[in-house]
């Protein structure tokens, strides 16, 4: 058992990959200590601190909002400070919580004996995906591509800002603008895409485990055949959702300030964003819906057949014969048949959706709070809170 558990327990979502090895070579971390705090400070200093220093030296850090100074740019705060810091700081917490979920499969134990070897192979495959050089190169390529697109968007804006100096003759990036394009933006987007890839790796691992033979039981007190624990995994990504929501909220707030988005549509945007978050996190759990559905149907079928036998025996004991199909040669007394009523009732109440409302509350709050803060720049707080309350009771 210990060997099997070790094989499944080998999955470390924050370790591995070319970027991890690069950081290890630079002695920013090592296998037994991710050193998330110091690394978060380093990446924030590179992504947010250096452009701030360059903006201060150029006189673009402070000023009225119309001049678009560095310290009044909501997007800069959201992407280069909050998101970059969270993407690094969350590593240890996410890794430990996901490992705990994998341990539960073994220690419950939910894996049937024939499933240990396939489960270990699924973890091995997940580790190969996690360590894929191609995947990280794609993440870096996407980061560079998005950065190039943002550079063109910045040049399309006619007004000067901390990043772009605009004159009648030409437009040019400031020193802070160049640094944000070469360093800050690629850091943010690479860390974002890297985490999305690793979320997909985790999702595929869970879906692989859902295809194995599991030791589930309809009468389990958790109401999910013993799988309720895995429905809480999205909470491990609450910080990740909060970081991305800060970026989305900052972009929406800036759009509101510019009049690019109507206040009346803000509520629909919040609904759409929450739906996107739920779909992203529900993807791996959907595979368990089939397993729970089969458990419920099979348990109902078997317990229904036994209930018929049991209650017909009771009927014979009370009335001396069966009212319906009385000619059947049935002689087994009720005392020799277990009453399946509780099992049947438990099977009827099994939920096939592991994405429960109570487990999603932290993720919902993480997704909505930054959008509420962004909308509060132009919309009444009472109206925003009404929308949030409606979303949280869906």
Protein backbone atom coordinates (compact mmCIF):
# COMPACT_ATOMS: atom_id res chain seq x y z
CA UNK A 1 0.00 0.00 0.00
CA UNK A 2 2.78 2.45 0.90
CA UNK A 3 4.50 1.99 -2.45
CA UNK A 4 1.28 2.53 -4.30
CA UNK A 5 0.48 5.60 -2.24
CA UNK A 6 3.93 7.04 -2.91
CA UNK A 7 3.43 6.61 -6.66
CA UNK A 8 0.15 8.51 -6.58
CA UNK A 9 1.56 11.05 -4.14
CA UNK A 10 4.39 11.99 -6.50
CA UNK A 11 2.26 14.61 -8.29
CA UNK A 12 3.63 18.06 -7.44
CA UNK A 13 1.93 20.70 -9.54
CA UNK A 14 4.35 23.53 -8.69
CA UNK A 15 7.49 21.53 -9.49
CA UNK A 16 8.98 20.48 -12.81
CA UNK A 17 9.28 22.04 -16.22
CA UNK A 18 11.95 24.13 -17.92
CA UNK A 19 11.07 27.33 -16.05
CA UNK A 20 11.29 25.51 -12.72
CA UNK A 21 14.69 24.08 -13.66
CA UNK A 22 15.90 27.51 -14.73
CA UNK A 23 14.92 28.97 -11.36
CA UNK A 24 16.66 26.08 -9.62
CA UNK A 25 19.85 26.71 -11.58
CA UNK A 26 19.68 30.37 -10.55
CA UNK A 27 19.23 29.17 -6.94
CA UNK A 28 15.91 30.93 -6.60
CA UNK A 29 14.42 27.69 -5.28
CA UNK A 30 15.25 24.05 -4.71
CA UNK A 31 13.27 20.82 -4.60
CA UNK A 32 12.43 20.98 -0.90
CA UNK A 33 11.74 24.71 -0.70
CA UNK A 34 9.91 26.70 -3.34
CA UNK A 35 10.82 29.97 -1.57
CA UNK A 36 7.65 31.55 -2.90
CA UNK A 37 7.98 34.75 -0.85
CA UNK A 38 11.43 35.84 -2.06
CA UNK A 39 10.62 34.84 -5.64
CA UNK A 40 7.34 36.78 -5.55
CA UNK A 41 9.25 39.87 -4.41
CA UNK A 42 11.77 39.39 -7.22
CA UNK A 43 9.17 39.00 -9.97
CA UNK A 44 7.10 41.91 -8.66
CA UNK A 45 10.24 44.05 -8.52
CA UNK A 46 11.00 43.18 -12.15
CA UNK A 47 7.43 43.51 -13.44
CA UNK A 48 6.14 46.41 -11.35
CA UNK A 49 9.02 47.98 -9.46
CA UNK A 50 11.40 48.75 -12.35
CA UNK A 51 8.71 50.50 -14.49
CA UNK A 52 7.74 52.48 -11.39
CA UNK A 53 11.34 53.64 -10.92
CA UNK A 54 11.66 54.54 -14.60
CA UNK A 55 8.34 56.41 -14.46
CA UNK A 56 9.45 58.33 -11.38
CA UNK A 57 12.69 59.35 -13.11
CA UNK A 58 10.75 60.45 -16.20
CA UNK A 59 8.10 62.28 -14.19
CA UNK A 60 5.30 59.97 -15.32
CA UNK A 61 4.57 58.20 -12.01
CA UNK A 62 2.30 60.84 -10.49
CA UNK A 63 -0.17 63.37 -11.81
CA UNK A 64 -3.83 63.87 -12.64
CA UNK A 65 -5.81 60.89 -13.96
CA UNK A 66 -6.14 62.54 -17.40
CA UNK A 67 -2.36 62.31 -17.83
CA UNK A 68 -2.52 58.54 -17.22
CA UNK A 69 0.37 58.32 -14.75
CA UNK A 70 1.86 54.98 -13.77
CA UNK A 71 0.48 54.86 -10.22
CA UNK A 72 -3.08 55.57 -11.38
CA UNK A 73 -3.13 52.77 -13.96
CA UNK A 74 -5.46 50.08 -12.61
CA UNK A 75 -4.21 47.57 -15.16
CA UNK A 76 -0.62 47.99 -14.04
CA UNK A 77 -1.53 47.35 -10.40
CA UNK A 78 -3.66 44.33 -11.30
CA UNK A 79 -1.29 42.63 -13.74
CA UNK A 80 2.22 43.48 -12.61
CA UNK A 81 1.74 43.65 -8.84
CA UNK A 82 -1.30 41.69 -7.63
CA UNK A 83 -1.46 38.94 -10.26
CA UNK A 84 2.29 38.32 -10.55
CA UNK A 85 2.62 38.13 -6.75
CA UNK A 86 -0.32 35.73 -6.40
CA UNK A 87 0.82 33.48 -9.25
CA UNK A 88 4.06 32.84 -7.35
CA UNK A 89 2.77 32.87 -3.77
CA UNK A 90 -0.03 30.38 -4.49
CA UNK A 91 2.32 27.59 -5.56
CA UNK A 92 2.85 25.90 -2.20
CA UNK A 93 -0.77 26.16 -1.10
CA UNK A 94 -2.17 24.74 -4.35
CA UNK A 95 0.40 21.95 -4.46
CA UNK A 96 -0.27 20.78 -0.91
CA UNK A 97 -4.05 20.83 -1.29
CA UNK A 98 -4.04 18.91 -4.57
CA UNK A 99 -1.72 16.29 -3.07
CA UNK A 100 -4.15 15.91 -0.17
CA UNK A 101 -6.97 15.17 -2.63
CA UNK A 102 -4.88 12.49 -4.33
CA UNK A 103 -3.98 10.93 -0.97
CA UNK A 104 -7.67 10.67 -0.16
CA UNK A 105 -8.20 8.33 -3.12
CA UNK A 106 -5.72 5.92 -1.53
CA UNK A 107 -6.40 6.36 2.18
CA UNK A 108 -10.22 6.28 2.01
CA UNK A 109 -9.62 3.94 0.12
CA UNK A 110 -11.59 4.71 -3.02
CA UNK A 111 -9.35 3.01 -5.57
CA UNK A 112 -10.11 -0.67 -6.14
CA UNK A 113 -7.03 -2.93 -5.94
CA UNK A 114 -6.97 -3.30 -9.73
CA UNK A 115 -6.89 0.50 -10.09
CA UNK A 116 -3.66 1.24 -8.24
CA UNK A 117 -1.37 0.52 -11.17
CA UNK A 118 -3.48 2.51 -13.70
CA UNK A 119 -3.72 5.37 -11.18
CA UNK A 120 0.07 5.45 -10.84
CA UNK A 121 0.38 5.45 -14.63
CA UNK A 122 -2.11 8.35 -14.82
CA UNK A 123 0.05 10.32 -12.38
CA UNK A 124 3.16 9.50 -14.42
CA UNK A 125 1.43 10.78 -17.55
CA UNK A 126 0.39 13.93 -15.70
CA UNK A 127 3.99 14.52 -14.63
CA UNK A 128 5.16 14.16 -18.23
CA UNK A 129 2.61 16.76 -19.30
CA UNK A 130 3.63 19.05 -16.45
CA UNK A 131 7.29 18.85 -17.41
CA UNK A 132 6.69 19.29 -21.15
CA UNK A 133 9.18 21.68 -22.71
CA UNK A 134 6.85 22.14 -25.67
CA UNK A 135 4.02 23.25 -23.39
CA UNK A 136 6.15 25.90 -21.71
CA UNK A 137 7.50 27.12 -25.04
CA UNK A 138 3.92 27.48 -26.24
CA UNK A 139 3.08 29.42 -23.06
CA UNK A 140 6.04 31.71 -23.68
CA UNK A 141 5.08 32.12 -27.34
CA UNK A 142 1.54 33.05 -26.38
CA UNK A 143 2.88 35.51 -23.81
CA UNK A 144 5.02 37.20 -26.47
CA UNK A 145 2.14 37.23 -28.94
CA UNK A 146 -0.27 38.87 -26.51
CA UNK A 147 2.42 41.38 -25.58
CA UNK A 148 2.94 42.35 -29.23
CA UNK A 149 -0.80 42.83 -29.68
CA UNK A 150 -0.94 45.01 -26.57
CA UNK A 151 1.96 47.09 -27.93
CA UNK A 152 -0.04 47.94 -31.05
CA UNK A 153 -3.07 48.75 -28.91
CA UNK A 154 -0.99 51.12 -26.80
CA UNK A 155 0.23 52.93 -29.91
CA UNK A 156 -3.34 53.33 -31.16
CA UNK A 157 -4.16 55.55 -28.20
CA UNK A 158 -3.61 59.18 -29.13
CA UNK A 159 -3.06 60.57 -25.63
CA UNK A 160 0.29 60.37 -23.87
CA UNK A 161 0.73 58.15 -20.85
CA UNK A 162 3.42 56.68 -18.63
CA UNK A 163 4.09 54.09 -21.36
CA UNK A 164 3.76 56.08 -24.59
CA UNK A 165 4.83 59.61 -25.48
CA UNK A 166 2.51 60.99 -28.13
CA UNK A 167 3.23 64.12 -30.17
CA UNK A 168 2.07 65.62 -33.46
CA UNK A 169 5.09 64.12 -35.20
CA UNK A 170 5.20 60.58 -33.82
CA UNK A 171 4.51 58.19 -31.00
CA UNK A 172 7.21 56.46 -29.03
CA UNK A 173 7.41 54.19 -26.04
CA UNK A 174 8.92 55.60 -22.89
CA UNK A 175 11.64 53.70 -21.02
CA UNK A 176 8.99 52.34 -18.66
CA UNK A 177 6.85 51.38 -21.64
CA UNK A 178 9.68 49.46 -23.26
CA UNK A 179 10.46 47.65 -20.02
CA UNK A 180 6.82 46.66 -19.55
CA UNK A 181 6.74 45.25 -23.09
CA UNK A 182 10.05 43.40 -22.89
CA UNK A 183 9.89 42.19 -19.28
CA UNK A 184 6.72 42.94 -17.31
CA UNK A 185 4.05 41.84 -19.76
CA UNK A 186 5.81 38.59 -20.76
CA UNK A 187 6.26 37.70 -17.07
CA UNK A 188 2.57 38.21 -16.34
CA UNK A 189 1.24 36.39 -19.40
CA UNK A 190 3.74 33.53 -19.14
CA UNK A 191 2.85 32.87 -15.50
CA UNK A 192 -0.85 33.04 -16.37
CA UNK A 193 -0.63 30.63 -19.31
CA UNK A 194 1.67 28.32 -17.35
CA UNK A 195 -0.89 28.06 -14.54
CA UNK A 196 -3.70 27.48 -17.05
CA UNK A 197 -1.70 24.66 -18.60
CA UNK A 198 -1.08 23.08 -15.21
CA UNK A 199 -4.76 23.40 -14.36
CA UNK A 200 -5.46 21.45 -17.56
CA UNK A 201 -2.89 18.83 -16.50
CA UNK A 202 -4.68 18.44 -13.16
CA UNK A 203 -8.04 18.27 -14.92
CA UNK A 204 -6.87 15.49 -17.23
CA UNK A 205 -5.47 13.58 -14.25
CA UNK A 206 -8.82 13.73 -12.44
CA UNK A 207 -10.65 12.62 -15.56
CA UNK A 208 -8.26 9.68 -15.86
CA UNK A 209 -8.94 8.68 -12.24
CA UNK A 210 -12.69 8.93 -12.88
CA UNK A 211 -12.37 6.23 -15.54
CA UNK A 212 -10.87 3.73 -13.07
CA UNK A 213 -12.76 1.24 -10.93
CA UNK A 214 -13.69 3.08 -7.72
CA UNK A 215 -15.01 1.71 -4.43
CA UNK A 216 -18.11 3.89 -4.20
CA UNK A 217 -21.23 3.21 -2.17
CA UNK A 218 -24.65 4.85 -2.53
CA UNK A 219 -25.23 5.06 1.23
CA UNK A 220 -22.07 7.06 1.91
CA UNK A 221 -22.97 9.90 4.31
CA UNK A 222 -21.42 12.57 2.07
CA UNK A 223 -24.26 12.11 -0.46
CA UNK A 224 -21.83 11.64 -3.35
CA UNK A 225 -20.89 7.98 -2.97
CA UNK A 226 -17.67 9.00 -1.18
CA UNK A 227 -16.51 11.55 -3.75
CA UNK A 228 -17.66 14.78 -2.08
CA UNK A 229 -14.08 15.64 -1.10
CA UNK A 230 -12.93 16.07 -4.72
CA UNK A 231 -15.74 18.57 -5.31
CA UNK A 232 -13.88 20.95 -3.01
CA UNK A 233 -10.76 21.11 -5.17
CA UNK A 234 -11.80 24.44 -6.85
CA UNK A 235 -11.21 26.19 -3.54
CA UNK A 236 -7.50 25.48 -3.97
CA UNK A 237 -7.62 27.81 -6.98
CA UNK A 238 -9.45 30.66 -5.25
CA UNK A 239 -6.30 32.82 -5.20
CA UNK A 240 -5.73 32.13 -8.90
CA UNK A 241 -9.31 33.15 -9.70
CA UNK A 242 -8.90 36.29 -7.58
CA UNK A 243 -5.72 37.27 -9.45
CA UNK A 244 -7.33 36.92 -12.88
CA UNK A 245 -10.49 38.65 -11.66
CA UNK A 246 -8.40 41.62 -10.53
CA UNK A 247 -7.09 41.95 -14.08
CA UNK A 248 -10.60 41.62 -15.53
CA UNK A 249 -12.02 44.04 -12.96
CA UNK A 250 -9.31 46.62 -13.70
CA UNK A 251 -9.98 46.38 -17.44
CA UNK A 252 -13.73 46.79 -16.90
CA UNK A 253 -13.20 49.74 -14.55
CA UNK A 254 -11.05 51.50 -17.13
CA UNK A 255 -13.67 50.77 -19.80
CA UNK A 256 -16.36 52.26 -17.56
CA UNK A 257 -14.28 55.38 -16.97
CA UNK A 258 -13.81 55.81 -20.73
CA UNK A 259 -17.46 55.11 -21.46
CA UNK A 260 -16.53 52.08 -23.56
CA UNK A 261 -19.00 49.85 -21.71
CA UNK A 262 -22.53 50.76 -20.67
CA UNK A 263 -23.32 50.62 -16.99
CA UNK A 264 -26.49 48.64 -17.75
CA UNK A 265 -24.47 45.76 -19.20
CA UNK A 266 -22.07 45.46 -16.28
CA UNK A 267 -24.27 42.95 -14.52
CA UNK A 268 -24.31 40.71 -17.59
CA UNK A 269 -20.53 40.92 -17.74
CA UNK A 270 -20.33 39.73 -14.12
CA UNK A 271 -22.64 36.82 -14.89
CA UNK A 272 -20.59 35.86 -17.95
CA UNK A 273 -17.30 36.02 -16.03
CA UNK A 274 -18.64 33.86 -13.20
CA UNK A 275 -19.91 31.34 -15.76
CA UNK A 276 -16.46 31.21 -17.41
CA UNK A 277 -14.80 30.53 -14.04
CA UNK A 278 -17.29 27.78 -13.20
CA UNK A 279 -16.89 26.08 -16.59
CA UNK A 280 -13.10 26.19 -16.28
CA UNK A 281 -13.13 24.56 -12.85
CA UNK A 282 -16.03 22.18 -13.51
CA UNK A 283 -14.35 20.49 -16.49
CA UNK A 284 -12.49 17.80 -14.50
CA UNK A 285 -15.46 17.15 -12.19
CA UNK A 286 -17.81 16.46 -15.08
CA UNK A 287 -16.15 13.06 -15.60
CA UNK A 288 -17.33 11.95 -12.15
CA UNK A 289 -20.96 12.72 -13.06
CA UNK A 290 -21.06 9.62 -15.24
CA UNK A 291 -19.63 7.50 -12.42
CA UNK A 292 -22.18 8.80 -9.92
CA UNK A 293 -25.01 8.39 -12.38
CA UNK A 294 -24.09 4.75 -12.95
CA UNK A 295 -23.79 4.19 -9.19
CA UNK A 296 -27.25 5.64 -8.62
CA UNK A 297 -28.90 3.71 -11.45
CA UNK A 298 -27.32 0.36 -10.56
CA UNK A 299 -28.06 0.76 -6.85
CA UNK A 300 -31.66 1.73 -7.56
CA UNK A 301 -32.08 -1.26 -9.85
CA UNK A 302 -30.65 -3.82 -7.41
CA UNK A 303 -32.29 -2.36 -4.31
CA UNK A 304 -35.60 -2.08 -6.14
CA UNK A 305 -35.47 -5.77 -7.02
CA UNK A 306 -34.65 -6.67 -3.43
CA UNK A 307 -37.35 -4.33 -2.13
CA UNK A 308 -39.90 -6.18 -4.23
CA UNK A 309 -38.79 -9.51 -2.79
CA UNK A 310 -38.67 -8.18 0.78
CA UNK A 311 -42.03 -6.44 0.81
CA UNK A 312 -43.76 -9.37 -0.92
CA UNK A 313 -42.40 -11.59 1.85
CA UNK A 314 -43.75 -9.16 4.43
CA UNK A 315 -47.09 -9.14 2.64
CA UNK A 316 -47.27 -12.94 2.72
CA UNK A 317 -46.44 -12.95 6.40
CA UNK A 318 -49.22 -10.46 7.18
CA UNK A 319 -51.92 -11.51 4.71
CA UNK A 320 -51.02 -15.13 4.15
CA UNK A 321 -50.50 -14.64 0.43
CA UNK A 322 -49.46 -12.07 -2.14
CA UNK A 323 -52.24 -10.03 -3.66
CA UNK A 324 -50.49 -9.59 -7.02
CA UNK A 325 -49.08 -12.63 -8.83
CA UNK A 326 -50.16 -14.85 -5.96
CA UNK A 327 -49.32 -18.01 -7.91
CA UNK A 328 -45.55 -17.30 -7.78
CA UNK A 329 -43.74 -19.99 -5.82
CA UNK A 330 -42.09 -17.66 -3.31
CA UNK A 331 -41.41 -19.02 0.15
CA UNK A 332 -38.48 -17.01 1.49
CA UNK A 333 -39.52 -15.33 4.77
CA UNK A 334 -38.97 -11.59 5.29
CA UNK A 335 -36.56 -12.30 8.15
CA UNK A 336 -34.10 -13.83 5.68
CA UNK A 337 -34.10 -10.73 3.40
CA UNK A 338 -32.43 -7.43 4.36
CA UNK A 339 -34.69 -4.39 4.12
CA UNK A 340 -33.25 -2.25 1.26
CA UNK A 341 -35.45 0.82 1.85
CA UNK A 342 -32.67 3.01 3.27
CA UNK A 343 -30.32 2.01 0.48
CA UNK A 344 -32.96 2.82 -2.11
CA UNK A 345 -33.66 6.23 -0.52
CA UNK A 346 -29.94 7.03 -0.32
CA UNK A 347 -29.48 6.12 -4.00
CA UNK A 348 -32.35 8.38 -5.01
CA UNK A 349 -30.75 11.33 -3.24
CA UNK A 350 -27.27 10.93 -4.78
CA UNK A 351 -26.25 14.10 -6.59
CA UNK A 352 -24.29 13.61 -9.80
CA UNK A 353 -22.93 17.18 -9.74
CA UNK A 354 -19.86 17.48 -7.53
CA UNK A 355 -19.81 21.24 -8.15
CA UNK A 356 -21.78 22.06 -4.97
CA UNK A 357 -22.79 25.61 -4.01
CA UNK A 358 -21.16 25.51 -0.58
CA UNK A 359 -17.82 24.38 -2.01
CA UNK A 360 -17.93 27.12 -4.64
CA UNK A 361 -18.59 30.05 -2.31
CA UNK A 362 -14.89 31.01 -1.86
CA UNK A 363 -14.29 30.76 -5.62
CA UNK A 364 -17.42 32.80 -6.35
CA UNK A 365 -16.32 35.49 -3.93
CA UNK A 366 -12.83 35.52 -5.44
CA UNK A 367 -14.32 35.97 -8.91
CA UNK A 368 -16.82 38.69 -8.02
CA UNK A 369 -15.11 40.91 -5.42
CA UNK A 370 -12.60 42.47 -7.89
CA UNK A 371 -15.42 43.09 -10.40
CA UNK A 372 -17.49 44.76 -7.69
CA UNK A 373 -14.51 46.94 -6.79
CA UNK A 374 -14.01 47.85 -10.46
CA UNK A 375 -17.69 48.60 -11.01
CA UNK A 376 -17.85 50.72 -7.86
CA UNK A 377 -15.81 53.40 -9.66
CA UNK A 378 -18.90 54.35 -11.68
CA UNK A 379 -21.89 52.31 -10.43
CA UNK A 380 -23.86 52.47 -7.17
CA UNK A 381 -22.58 49.93 -4.65
CA UNK A 382 -26.14 48.97 -3.69
CA UNK A 383 -26.90 47.96 -7.28
CA UNK A 384 -23.69 45.93 -7.52
CA UNK A 385 -24.35 44.10 -4.26
CA UNK A 386 -27.84 43.19 -5.45
CA UNK A 387 -26.29 41.53 -8.52
CA UNK A 388 -23.76 39.69 -6.36
CA UNK A 389 -26.43 38.37 -4.00
CA UNK A 390 -28.41 37.03 -6.92
CA UNK A 391 -25.36 35.31 -8.35
CA UNK A 392 -24.38 33.72 -5.05
CA UNK A 393 -27.77 32.08 -4.60
CA UNK A 394 -27.90 30.58 -8.11
